[in-house]
């Protein structure tokens, strides 16, 4: 019922219900695409905000995205150096959704590609060790059309994604295929890299389907 009411609130434009005190905590970890860069109202349109609306008050979804951040610890702006990373751990989430790798395709970062799997594994393990023992989902990055700021779609598709899938297989973690969810939808990427509100909604729907496959 709570999820139905949340969905109706989205359709009708009413505010979604606040999370319940005992809500299932979801930490959305990522870069600018998670943060909601380029959106008119990221507080309502970024995919974690839409995911909150879709899931309803039984869930507490928090956005821990930071613009420009890399998965690689030797990247130009490593996510693990950010306060939001520490905040995500302290949130003690029950579910963690990780969507990183887009900024790692920049030439200056991708020269450290051989360390991607080890760095990603370390990030996963840091969440696996926290008290709440969360279920961790790995997301493939969304496509770029063709890309800006040195971001390369070919490196996303043929470099980052195979590594993410290998980590998921090794750690027996579920994968959310955001690349597939937004493939062929260049019109939803005004700057070729960041999805607009409609694209963010598709991301949220894909994450919702992974978390609640029977809904």
C-alpha atoms as a PDB file:
ATOM      1  CA  UNK A   1       0.000   0.000   0.000  1.00  0.00           C
ATOM      2  CA  UNK A   2       2.805   2.425   0.894  1.00  0.00           C
ATOM      3  CA  UNK A   3       4.475   1.930  -2.486  1.00  0.00           C
ATOM      4  CA  UNK A   4       1.126   2.352  -4.288  1.00  0.00           C
ATOM      5  CA  UNK A   5       0.509   5.612  -2.451  1.00  0.00           C
ATOM      6  CA  UNK A   6       4.025   6.789  -3.307  1.00  0.00           C
ATOM      7  CA  UNK A   7       3.467   6.024  -6.975  1.00  0.00           C
ATOM      8  CA  UNK A   8       0.143   7.876  -6.971  1.00  0.00           C
ATOM      9  CA  UNK A   9       1.828  10.833  -5.287  1.00  0.00           C
ATOM     10  CA  UNK A  10       4.313  10.983  -8.161  1.00  0.00           C
ATOM     11  CA  UNK A  11       1.582  10.782 -10.775  1.00  0.00           C
ATOM     12  CA  UNK A  12      -0.593  13.403  -9.115  1.00  0.00           C
ATOM     13  CA  UNK A  13       2.259  15.695  -8.096  1.00  0.00           C
ATOM     14  CA  UNK A  14       1.685  15.372  -4.335  1.00  0.00           C
ATOM     15  CA  UNK A  15       4.621  15.185  -1.911  1.00  0.00           C
ATOM     16  CA  UNK A  16       5.751  11.632  -1.162  1.00  0.00           C
ATOM     17  CA  UNK A  17       5.408  10.368   2.407  1.00  0.00           C
ATOM     18  CA  UNK A  18       8.408  10.724   4.706  1.00  0.00           C
ATOM     19  CA  UNK A  19      10.309   7.523   5.511  1.00  0.00           C
ATOM     20  CA  UNK A  20       9.082   5.609   8.533  1.00  0.00           C
ATOM     21  CA  UNK A  21      11.239   5.463  11.653  1.00  0.00           C
ATOM     22  CA  UNK A  22      12.039   1.798  10.980  1.00  0.00           C
ATOM     23  CA  UNK A  23      12.493   2.254   7.234  1.00  0.00           C
ATOM     24  CA  UNK A  24      14.968   0.181   5.235  1.00  0.00           C
ATOM     25  CA  UNK A  25      17.970   2.459   4.637  1.00  0.00           C
ATOM     26  CA  UNK A  26      19.356   2.725   1.096  1.00  0.00           C
ATOM     27  CA  UNK A  27      22.646   4.493   0.368  1.00  0.00           C
ATOM     28  CA  UNK A  28      23.099   5.608  -3.256  1.00  0.00           C
ATOM     29  CA  UNK A  29      26.835   5.956  -3.847  1.00  0.00           C
ATOM     30  CA  UNK A  30      28.106   7.590  -7.014  1.00  0.00           C
ATOM     31  CA  UNK A  31      29.308  10.560  -9.013  1.00  0.00           C
ATOM     32  CA  UNK A  32      27.512  13.530 -10.598  1.00  0.00           C
ATOM     33  CA  UNK A  33      24.961  11.287 -12.301  1.00  0.00           C
ATOM     34  CA  UNK A  34      23.841  10.056  -8.877  1.00  0.00           C
ATOM     35  CA  UNK A  35      24.113  13.525  -7.367  1.00  0.00           C
ATOM     36  CA  UNK A  36      21.855  14.903 -10.095  1.00  0.00           C
ATOM     37  CA  UNK A  37      24.167  17.294 -11.931  1.00  0.00           C
ATOM     38  CA  UNK A  38      22.418  19.308 -14.629  1.00  0.00           C
ATOM     39  CA  UNK A  39      18.901  18.737 -13.310  1.00  0.00           C
ATOM     40  CA  UNK A  40      16.622  21.691 -12.639  1.00  0.00           C
ATOM     41  CA  UNK A  41      15.728  20.372  -9.185  1.00  0.00           C
ATOM     42  CA  UNK A  42      18.092  17.608  -8.107  1.00  0.00           C
ATOM     43  CA  UNK A  43      16.391  17.328  -4.709  1.00  0.00           C
ATOM     44  CA  UNK A  44      13.332  15.956  -6.498  1.00  0.00           C
ATOM     45  CA  UNK A  45      14.663  14.772  -9.868  1.00  0.00           C
ATOM     46  CA  UNK A  46      17.928  12.955  -9.116  1.00  0.00           C
ATOM     47  CA  UNK A  47      17.476   9.204  -9.343  1.00  0.00           C
ATOM     48  CA  UNK A  48      17.774   8.586  -5.553  1.00  0.00           C
ATOM     49  CA  UNK A  49      14.961  11.107  -4.940  1.00  0.00           C
ATOM     50  CA  UNK A  50      12.777   9.430  -7.553  1.00  0.00           C
ATOM     51  CA  UNK A  51      13.656   6.029  -6.073  1.00  0.00           C
ATOM     52  CA  UNK A  52      12.428   7.294  -2.696  1.00  0.00           C
ATOM     53  CA  UNK A  53       9.131   8.277  -4.285  1.00  0.00           C
ATOM     54  CA  UNK A  54       8.799   4.914  -6.006  1.00  0.00           C
ATOM     55  CA  UNK A  55       9.579   2.850  -2.918  1.00  0.00           C
ATOM     56  CA  UNK A  56       7.565   4.873  -0.420  1.00  0.00           C
ATOM     57  CA  UNK A  57       7.808   5.365   3.321  1.00  0.00           C
ATOM     58  CA  UNK A  58       9.010   1.824   4.034  1.00  0.00           C
ATOM     59  CA  UNK A  59      12.392   2.918   2.658  1.00  0.00           C
ATOM     60  CA  UNK A  60      14.783   5.756   3.484  1.00  0.00           C
ATOM     61  CA  UNK A  61      16.855   6.590   0.385  1.00  0.00           C
ATOM     62  CA  UNK A  62      19.835   8.916   0.760  1.00  0.00           C
ATOM     63  CA  UNK A  63      21.887  10.458  -2.035  1.00  0.00           C
ATOM     64  CA  UNK A  64      25.632  10.196  -1.418  1.00  0.00           C
ATOM     65  CA  UNK A  65      26.668  11.151  -4.950  1.00  0.00           C
ATOM     66  CA  UNK A  66      29.553  13.589  -5.453  1.00  0.00           C
ATOM     67  CA  UNK A  67      30.174  15.276  -8.791  1.00  0.00           C
ATOM     68  CA  UNK A  68      33.341  14.422 -10.707  1.00  0.00           C
ATOM     69  CA  UNK A  69      34.453  11.604  -8.436  1.00  0.00           C
ATOM     70  CA  UNK A  70      36.299   8.488  -9.500  1.00  0.00           C
ATOM     71  CA  UNK A  71      36.288   4.931  -8.265  1.00  0.00           C
ATOM     72  CA  UNK A  72      40.038   4.775  -8.796  1.00  0.00           C
ATOM     73  CA  UNK A  73      42.000   5.801  -5.714  1.00  0.00           C
ATOM     74  CA  UNK A  74      44.649   7.324  -8.001  1.00  0.00           C
ATOM     75  CA  UNK A  75      42.037   9.187 -10.046  1.00  0.00           C
ATOM     76  CA  UNK A  76      41.906  12.968 -10.102  1.00  0.00           C
ATOM     77  CA  UNK A  77      39.103  13.042  -7.500  1.00  0.00           C
ATOM     78  CA  UNK A  78      38.683   9.709  -5.634  1.00  0.00           C
ATOM     79  CA  UNK A  79      35.275   9.089  -4.098  1.00  0.00           C
ATOM     80  CA  UNK A  80      36.849   7.456  -1.040  1.00  0.00           C
ATOM     81  CA  UNK A  81      38.379  10.820  -0.049  1.00  0.00           C
ATOM     82  CA  UNK A  82      34.968  12.461   0.246  1.00  0.00           C
ATOM     83  CA  UNK A  83      33.002  13.182   3.396  1.00  0.00           C
ATOM     84  CA  UNK A  84      29.925  11.716   1.709  1.00  0.00           C
ATOM     85  CA  UNK A  85      31.696   8.358   1.514  1.00  0.00           C
ATOM     86  CA  UNK A  86      32.224   8.434   5.272  1.00  0.00           C
ATOM     87  CA  UNK A  87      28.638   9.637   5.715  1.00  0.00           C
ATOM     88  CA  UNK A  88      27.385   6.699   3.640  1.00  0.00           C
ATOM     89  CA  UNK A  89      29.220   4.264   5.906  1.00  0.00           C
ATOM     90  CA  UNK A  90      27.925   6.031   9.032  1.00  0.00           C
ATOM     91  CA  UNK A  91      24.359   5.864   7.660  1.00  0.00           C
ATOM     92  CA  UNK A  92      24.563   2.091   8.302  1.00  0.00           C
ATOM     93  CA  UNK A  93      22.535   1.287   5.202  1.00  0.00           C
ATOM     94  CA  UNK A  94      20.657  -1.952   4.724  1.00  0.00           C
ATOM     95  CA  UNK A  95      21.157  -1.617   0.961  1.00  0.00           C
ATOM     96  CA  UNK A  96      23.992   0.046  -0.955  1.00  0.00           C
ATOM     97  CA  UNK A  97      23.703   0.950  -4.644  1.00  0.00           C
ATOM     98  CA  UNK A  98      27.066   1.812  -6.228  1.00  0.00           C
ATOM     99  CA  UNK A  99      27.269   3.641  -9.554  1.00  0.00           C
ATOM    100  CA  UNK A 100      30.813   4.742 -10.255  1.00  0.00           C
ATOM    101  CA  UNK A 101      33.194   4.452 -13.183  1.00  0.00           C
ATOM    102  CA  UNK A 102      32.159   7.172 -15.631  1.00  0.00           C
ATOM    103  CA  UNK A 103      34.866   9.664 -14.621  1.00  0.00           C
ATOM    104  CA  UNK A 104      37.428   6.886 -14.503  1.00  0.00           C
ATOM    105  CA  UNK A 105      37.316   6.736 -18.315  1.00  0.00           C
ATOM    106  CA  UNK A 106      39.038  10.108 -18.655  1.00  0.00           C
ATOM    107  CA  UNK A 107      42.525   9.523 -20.108  1.00  0.00           C
ATOM    108  CA  UNK A 108      44.351  10.848 -17.038  1.00  0.00           C
ATOM    109  CA  UNK A 109      42.400   8.421 -14.843  1.00  0.00           C
ATOM    110  CA  UNK A 110      42.159   5.405 -17.129  1.00  0.00           C
ATOM    111  CA  UNK A 111      45.950   5.080 -17.168  1.00  0.00           C
ATOM    112  CA  UNK A 112      45.398   3.447 -13.763  1.00  0.00           C
ATOM    113  CA  UNK A 113      42.809   1.012 -15.166  1.00  0.00           C
ATOM    114  CA  UNK A 114      44.761  -2.001 -13.945  1.00  0.00           C
ATOM    115  CA  UNK A 115      43.911  -0.928 -10.382  1.00  0.00           C
ATOM    116  CA  UNK A 116      40.184  -0.549 -10.999  1.00  0.00           C
ATOM    117  CA  UNK A 117      39.174  -4.033  -9.833  1.00  0.00           C
ATOM    118  CA  UNK A 118      41.247  -3.849  -6.650  1.00  0.00           C
ATOM    119  CA  UNK A 119      39.959  -0.372  -5.788  1.00  0.00           C
ATOM    120  CA  UNK A 120      36.340  -1.319  -6.502  1.00  0.00           C
ATOM    121  CA  UNK A 121      36.709  -4.493  -4.429  1.00  0.00           C
ATOM    122  CA  UNK A 122      38.086  -2.444  -1.532  1.00  0.00           C
ATOM    123  CA  UNK A 123      35.099  -0.087  -1.739  1.00  0.00           C
ATOM    124  CA  UNK A 124      32.669  -3.004  -1.727  1.00  0.00           C
ATOM    125  CA  UNK A 125      34.418  -4.611   1.222  1.00  0.00           C
ATOM    126  CA  UNK A 126      34.336  -1.376   3.214  1.00  0.00           C
ATOM    127  CA  UNK A 127      30.538  -1.450   3.039  1.00  0.00           C
ATOM    128  CA  UNK A 128      30.336  -5.207   3.578  1.00  0.00           C
ATOM    129  CA  UNK A 129      32.175  -4.806   6.896  1.00  0.00           C
ATOM    130  CA  UNK A 130      29.838  -2.287   8.509  1.00  0.00           C
ATOM    131  CA  UNK A 131      27.491  -3.274  11.310  1.00  0.00           C
ATOM    132  CA  UNK A 132      24.323  -3.260   9.206  1.00  0.00           C
ATOM    133  CA  UNK A 133      25.734  -5.887   6.759  1.00  0.00           C
ATOM    134  CA  UNK A 134      24.027  -4.330   3.748  1.00  0.00           C
ATOM    135  CA  UNK A 135      23.037  -5.979   0.512  1.00  0.00           C
ATOM    136  CA  UNK A 136      25.240  -4.380  -2.139  1.00  0.00           C
ATOM    137  CA  UNK A 137      24.203  -3.755  -5.747  1.00  0.00           C
ATOM    138  CA  UNK A 138      26.728  -2.818  -8.427  1.00  0.00           C
ATOM    139  CA  UNK A 139      25.491  -0.650 -11.290  1.00  0.00           C
ATOM    140  CA  UNK A 140      26.982  -0.499 -14.733  1.00  0.00           C
ATOM    141  CA  UNK A 141      27.560   3.140 -15.711  1.00  0.00           C
ATOM    142  CA  UNK A 142      25.090   4.766 -18.073  1.00  0.00           C
ATOM    143  CA  UNK A 143      26.294   5.326 -21.656  1.00  0.00           C
ATOM    144  CA  UNK A 144      27.829   8.559 -22.941  1.00  0.00           C
ATOM    145  CA  UNK A 145      26.747  10.061 -26.294  1.00  0.00           C
ATOM    146  CA  UNK A 146      29.587  10.104 -27.299  1.00  0.00           C
ATOM    147  CA  UNK A 147      31.031  11.873 -24.262  1.00  0.00           C
ATOM    148  CA  UNK A 148      32.491  15.122 -22.980  1.00  0.00           C
ATOM    149  CA  UNK A 149      35.274  16.134 -20.562  1.00  0.00           C
ATOM    150  CA  UNK A 150      37.381  13.217 -21.811  1.00  0.00           C
ATOM    151  CA  UNK A 151      34.718  10.658 -20.844  1.00  0.00           C
ATOM    152  CA  UNK A 152      34.722   7.822 -23.391  1.00  0.00           C
ATOM    153  CA  UNK A 153      31.733   5.598 -24.074  1.00  0.00           C
ATOM    154  CA  UNK A 154      33.993   2.928 -25.556  1.00  0.00           C
ATOM    155  CA  UNK A 155      35.901   2.753 -22.278  1.00  0.00           C
ATOM    156  CA  UNK A 156      32.626   2.570 -20.363  1.00  0.00           C
ATOM    157  CA  UNK A 157      31.346  -0.277 -22.514  1.00  0.00           C
ATOM    158  CA  UNK A 158      34.527  -2.263 -23.109  1.00  0.00           C
ATOM    159  CA  UNK A 159      36.599  -1.262 -20.086  1.00  0.00           C
ATOM    160  CA  UNK A 160      34.568  -0.389 -17.014  1.00  0.00           C
ATOM    161  CA  UNK A 161      31.551  -2.650 -17.495  1.00  0.00           C
ATOM    162  CA  UNK A 162      33.493  -5.936 -17.912  1.00  0.00           C
ATOM    163  CA  UNK A 163      35.412  -5.105 -14.739  1.00  0.00           C
ATOM    164  CA  UNK A 164      32.208  -4.354 -12.811  1.00  0.00           C
ATOM    165  CA  UNK A 165      30.709  -7.648 -13.980  1.00  0.00           C
ATOM    166  CA  UNK A 166      33.860  -9.529 -12.967  1.00  0.00           C
ATOM    167  CA  UNK A 167      33.756  -8.019  -9.474  1.00  0.00           C
ATOM    168  CA  UNK A 168      30.061  -8.854  -9.139  1.00  0.00           C
ATOM    169  CA  UNK A 169      30.732 -12.446 -10.155  1.00  0.00           C
ATOM    170  CA  UNK A 170      33.670 -12.775  -7.765  1.00  0.00           C
ATOM    171  CA  UNK A 171      31.766 -11.279  -4.841  1.00  0.00           C
ATOM    172  CA  UNK A 172      28.416 -12.852  -5.800  1.00  0.00           C
ATOM    173  CA  UNK A 173      26.706  -9.459  -5.958  1.00  0.00           C
ATOM    174  CA  UNK A 174      23.672  -8.437  -8.027  1.00  0.00           C
ATOM    175  CA  UNK A 175      24.180  -6.091 -10.980  1.00  0.00           C
ATOM    176  CA  UNK A 176      21.825  -3.333 -12.129  1.00  0.00           C
ATOM    177  CA  UNK A 177      22.364  -2.747 -15.840  1.00  0.00           C
ATOM    178  CA  UNK A 178      21.926   1.018 -16.182  1.00  0.00           C
ATOM    179  CA  UNK A 179      23.883   0.999 -19.426  1.00  0.00           C
ATOM    180  CA  UNK A 180      21.211  -1.141 -21.044  1.00  0.00           C
ATOM    181  CA  UNK A 181      18.401   0.857 -19.421  1.00  0.00           C
ATOM    182  CA  UNK A 182      19.564   4.070 -21.114  1.00  0.00           C
ATOM    183  CA  UNK A 183      21.169   2.733 -24.299  1.00  0.00           C
ATOM    184  CA  UNK A 184      19.802   4.312 -27.469  1.00  0.00           C
ATOM    185  CA  UNK A 185      18.347   7.243 -25.508  1.00  0.00           C
ATOM    186  CA  UNK A 186      20.742  10.025 -26.496  1.00  0.00           C
ATOM    187  CA  UNK A 187      17.913  12.571 -26.375  1.00  0.00           C
ATOM    188  CA  UNK A 188      17.799  12.092 -22.588  1.00  0.00           C
ATOM    189  CA  UNK A 189      21.418  13.295 -22.276  1.00  0.00           C
ATOM    190  CA  UNK A 190      21.475  17.065 -22.942  1.00  0.00           C
ATOM    191  CA  UNK A 191      25.249  17.327 -22.423  1.00  0.00           C
ATOM    192  CA  UNK A 192      26.001  13.810 -23.730  1.00  0.00           C
ATOM    193  CA  UNK A 193      26.949  12.499 -20.249  1.00  0.00           C
ATOM    194  CA  UNK A 194      24.335  13.430 -17.635  1.00  0.00           C
ATOM    195  CA  UNK A 195      20.755  12.113 -17.953  1.00  0.00           C
ATOM    196  CA  UNK A 196      17.906  14.599 -17.717  1.00  0.00           C
ATOM    197  CA  UNK A 197      14.934  14.097 -15.380  1.00  0.00           C
ATOM    198  CA  UNK A 198      13.399  11.483 -17.688  1.00  0.00           C
ATOM    199  CA  UNK A 199      16.687   9.599 -17.776  1.00  0.00           C
ATOM    200  CA  UNK A 200      17.053   9.782 -14.000  1.00  0.00           C
ATOM    201  CA  UNK A 201      13.562   8.320 -13.695  1.00  0.00           C
ATOM    202  CA  UNK A 202      14.573   5.366 -15.888  1.00  0.00           C
ATOM    203  CA  UNK A 203      17.558   4.824 -13.614  1.00  0.00           C
ATOM    204  CA  UNK A 204      15.339   4.886 -10.529  1.00  0.00           C
ATOM    205  CA  UNK A 205      12.927   2.419 -12.105  1.00  0.00           C
ATOM    206  CA  UNK A 206      15.764   0.032 -12.927  1.00  0.00           C
ATOM    207  CA  UNK A 207      17.047   0.200  -9.350  1.00  0.00           C
ATOM    208  CA  UNK A 208      13.527  -0.272  -7.973  1.00  0.00           C
ATOM    209  CA  UNK A 209      13.038  -3.340 -10.162  1.00  0.00           C
ATOM    210  CA  UNK A 210      16.285  -4.822  -8.862  1.00  0.00           C
ATOM    211  CA  UNK A 211      15.392  -4.212  -5.224  1.00  0.00           C
ATOM    212  CA  UNK A 212      11.757  -5.301  -5.636  1.00  0.00           C
ATOM    213  CA  UNK A 213      11.758  -7.739  -8.578  1.00  0.00           C
ATOM    214  CA  UNK A 214       8.230  -8.928  -7.924  1.00  0.00           C
ATOM    215  CA  UNK A 215       6.597  -5.502  -7.858  1.00  0.00           C
END
